[in-house]
Amino acid sequence: MDMGKKTVGVKRRLAKFLKANRRPPLWVILKTNRRFTRSPKQRNWRHKKLKV
């Protein structure tokens, strides 16, 4: 992906998707006895493509 050709709005949306793709904090996993080990918005870059 050539980031030089993307507009600011697209870059901001990509950054938002990047932040949403992280796992929940460790204290959440420990507090819920590992019931929530992944975020509902987590995705794999091969399986699901973004609509930017």
N, C-alpha and C. Protein backbone atom coordinates (compact mmCIF):
# COMPACT_ATOMS: atom_id res chain seq x y z
N MET A 1 0.84 -1.19 0.00
CA MET A 1 0.00 0.00 0.00
C MET A 1 0.88 1.24 0.00
N ASP A 2 0.72 2.05 -1.00
CA ASP A 2 1.49 3.28 -1.07
C ASP A 2 0.74 4.37 -0.31
N MET A 3 1.25 4.74 0.86
CA MET A 3 0.55 5.68 1.71
C MET A 3 0.64 7.11 1.19
N GLY A 4 1.59 7.37 0.29
CA GLY A 4 1.73 8.72 -0.24
C GLY A 4 0.58 9.13 -1.13
N LYS A 5 -0.12 8.17 -1.69
CA LYS A 5 -1.21 8.47 -2.61
C LYS A 5 -2.57 8.48 -1.93
N LYS A 6 -2.60 8.19 -0.64
CA LYS A 6 -3.89 8.14 0.06
C LYS A 6 -4.23 9.50 0.66
N THR A 7 -5.52 9.79 0.71
CA THR A 7 -5.95 11.05 1.30
C THR A 7 -5.91 10.94 2.82
N VAL A 8 -6.04 12.08 3.48
CA VAL A 8 -5.97 12.12 4.93
C VAL A 8 -7.13 11.34 5.55
N GLY A 9 -8.31 11.45 4.96
CA GLY A 9 -9.47 10.74 5.50
C GLY A 9 -9.30 9.24 5.46
N VAL A 10 -8.73 8.73 4.36
CA VAL A 10 -8.50 7.29 4.23
C VAL A 10 -7.48 6.83 5.26
N LYS A 11 -6.43 7.63 5.45
CA LYS A 11 -5.39 7.28 6.42
C LYS A 11 -5.96 7.24 7.83
N ARG A 12 -6.86 8.19 8.13
CA ARG A 12 -7.46 8.20 9.47
C ARG A 12 -8.35 6.98 9.69
N ARG A 13 -9.08 6.59 8.64
CA ARG A 13 -9.92 5.40 8.77
C ARG A 13 -9.07 4.14 8.92
N LEU A 14 -7.97 4.08 8.20
CA LEU A 14 -7.06 2.94 8.33
C LEU A 14 -6.47 2.88 9.74
N ALA A 15 -6.13 4.04 10.30
CA ALA A 15 -5.59 4.07 11.66
C ALA A 15 -6.65 3.62 12.67
N LYS A 16 -7.91 3.98 12.42
CA LYS A 16 -9.00 3.56 13.31
C LYS A 16 -9.16 2.04 13.26
N PHE A 17 -9.09 1.47 12.05
CA PHE A 17 -9.18 0.02 11.92
C PHE A 17 -8.00 -0.67 12.59
N LEU A 18 -6.83 -0.04 12.52
CA LEU A 18 -5.65 -0.62 13.13
C LEU A 18 -5.78 -0.67 14.64
N LYS A 19 -6.33 0.41 15.23
CA LYS A 19 -6.51 0.43 16.68
C LYS A 19 -7.57 -0.56 17.13
N ALA A 20 -8.62 -0.72 16.30
CA ALA A 20 -9.70 -1.64 16.66
C ALA A 20 -9.27 -3.09 16.56
N ASN A 21 -8.18 -3.36 15.85
CA ASN A 21 -7.76 -4.75 15.62
C ASN A 21 -6.93 -5.30 16.77
N ARG A 22 -6.68 -4.51 17.79
CA ARG A 22 -5.87 -4.99 18.90
C ARG A 22 -6.70 -5.87 19.84
N ARG A 23 -5.99 -6.68 20.62
CA ARG A 23 -6.68 -7.53 21.59
C ARG A 23 -7.07 -6.70 22.81
N PRO A 24 -8.01 -7.19 23.63
CA PRO A 24 -8.35 -6.46 24.85
C PRO A 24 -7.18 -6.46 25.82
N PRO A 25 -7.15 -5.52 26.77
CA PRO A 25 -6.04 -5.48 27.72
C PRO A 25 -5.98 -6.76 28.56
N LEU A 26 -4.80 -7.02 29.08
CA LEU A 26 -4.58 -8.27 29.82
C LEU A 26 -5.45 -8.35 31.06
N TRP A 27 -5.71 -7.20 31.71
CA TRP A 27 -6.50 -7.25 32.94
C TRP A 27 -7.94 -7.66 32.64
N VAL A 28 -8.44 -7.35 31.45
CA VAL A 28 -9.80 -7.75 31.07
C VAL A 28 -9.85 -9.28 30.90
N ILE A 29 -8.81 -9.82 30.26
CA ILE A 29 -8.76 -11.26 30.05
C ILE A 29 -8.70 -11.99 31.39
N LEU A 30 -7.89 -11.46 32.30
CA LEU A 30 -7.76 -12.11 33.61
C LEU A 30 -9.02 -11.96 34.45
N LYS A 31 -9.65 -10.80 34.39
CA LYS A 31 -10.83 -10.55 35.22
C LYS A 31 -12.01 -11.41 34.78
N THR A 32 -12.10 -11.73 33.50
CA THR A 32 -13.22 -12.52 33.00
C THR A 32 -12.87 -14.01 32.88
N ASN A 33 -11.76 -14.42 33.51
CA ASN A 33 -11.34 -15.82 33.46
C ASN A 33 -11.18 -16.33 32.03
N ARG A 34 -10.59 -15.52 31.19
CA ARG A 34 -10.30 -15.83 29.78
C ARG A 34 -11.55 -16.07 28.95
N ARG A 35 -12.68 -15.56 29.39
CA ARG A 35 -13.88 -15.68 28.58
C ARG A 35 -13.80 -14.77 27.36
N PHE A 36 -13.17 -13.60 27.54
CA PHE A 36 -12.99 -12.67 26.42
C PHE A 36 -11.51 -12.59 26.11
N THR A 37 -11.10 -13.37 25.15
CA THR A 37 -9.68 -13.33 24.77
C THR A 37 -9.46 -12.52 23.52
N ARG A 38 -10.54 -12.23 22.79
CA ARG A 38 -10.37 -11.41 21.60
C ARG A 38 -11.52 -10.41 21.49
N SER A 39 -11.22 -9.31 20.81
CA SER A 39 -12.20 -8.26 20.64
C SER A 39 -13.19 -8.65 19.54
N PRO A 40 -14.45 -8.22 19.63
CA PRO A 40 -15.40 -8.56 18.57
C PRO A 40 -15.07 -7.91 17.23
N LYS A 41 -14.26 -6.86 17.26
CA LYS A 41 -13.91 -6.19 16.01
C LYS A 41 -12.56 -6.66 15.46
N GLN A 42 -11.98 -7.67 16.07
CA GLN A 42 -10.71 -8.17 15.57
C GLN A 42 -10.93 -8.89 14.26
N ARG A 43 -9.96 -8.76 13.37
CA ARG A 43 -10.07 -9.40 12.06
C ARG A 43 -8.68 -9.81 11.62
N ASN A 44 -8.66 -10.75 10.68
CA ASN A 44 -7.40 -11.18 10.09
C ASN A 44 -7.26 -10.53 8.72
N TRP A 45 -6.08 -10.10 8.39
CA TRP A 45 -5.88 -9.35 7.15
C TRP A 45 -6.10 -10.23 5.92
N ARG A 46 -6.00 -11.54 6.08
CA ARG A 46 -6.24 -12.41 4.93
C ARG A 46 -7.72 -12.73 4.75
N HIS A 47 -8.47 -12.81 5.85
CA HIS A 47 -9.84 -13.31 5.78
C HIS A 47 -10.85 -12.22 5.42
N LYS A 48 -10.67 -11.03 5.96
CA LYS A 48 -11.69 -9.99 5.78
C LYS A 48 -11.04 -8.72 5.26
N LYS A 49 -11.54 -8.21 4.17
CA LYS A 49 -11.02 -6.98 3.59
C LYS A 49 -11.81 -5.78 4.10
N LEU A 50 -11.17 -4.64 4.15
CA LEU A 50 -11.80 -3.43 4.68
C LEU A 50 -12.47 -2.64 3.56
N LYS A 51 -13.53 -1.95 3.93
CA LYS A 51 -14.15 -1.01 3.00
C LYS A 51 -13.73 0.39 3.44
N VAL A 52 -12.66 0.89 2.85
CA VAL A 52 -12.10 2.17 3.28
C VAL A 52 -12.64 3.27 2.49
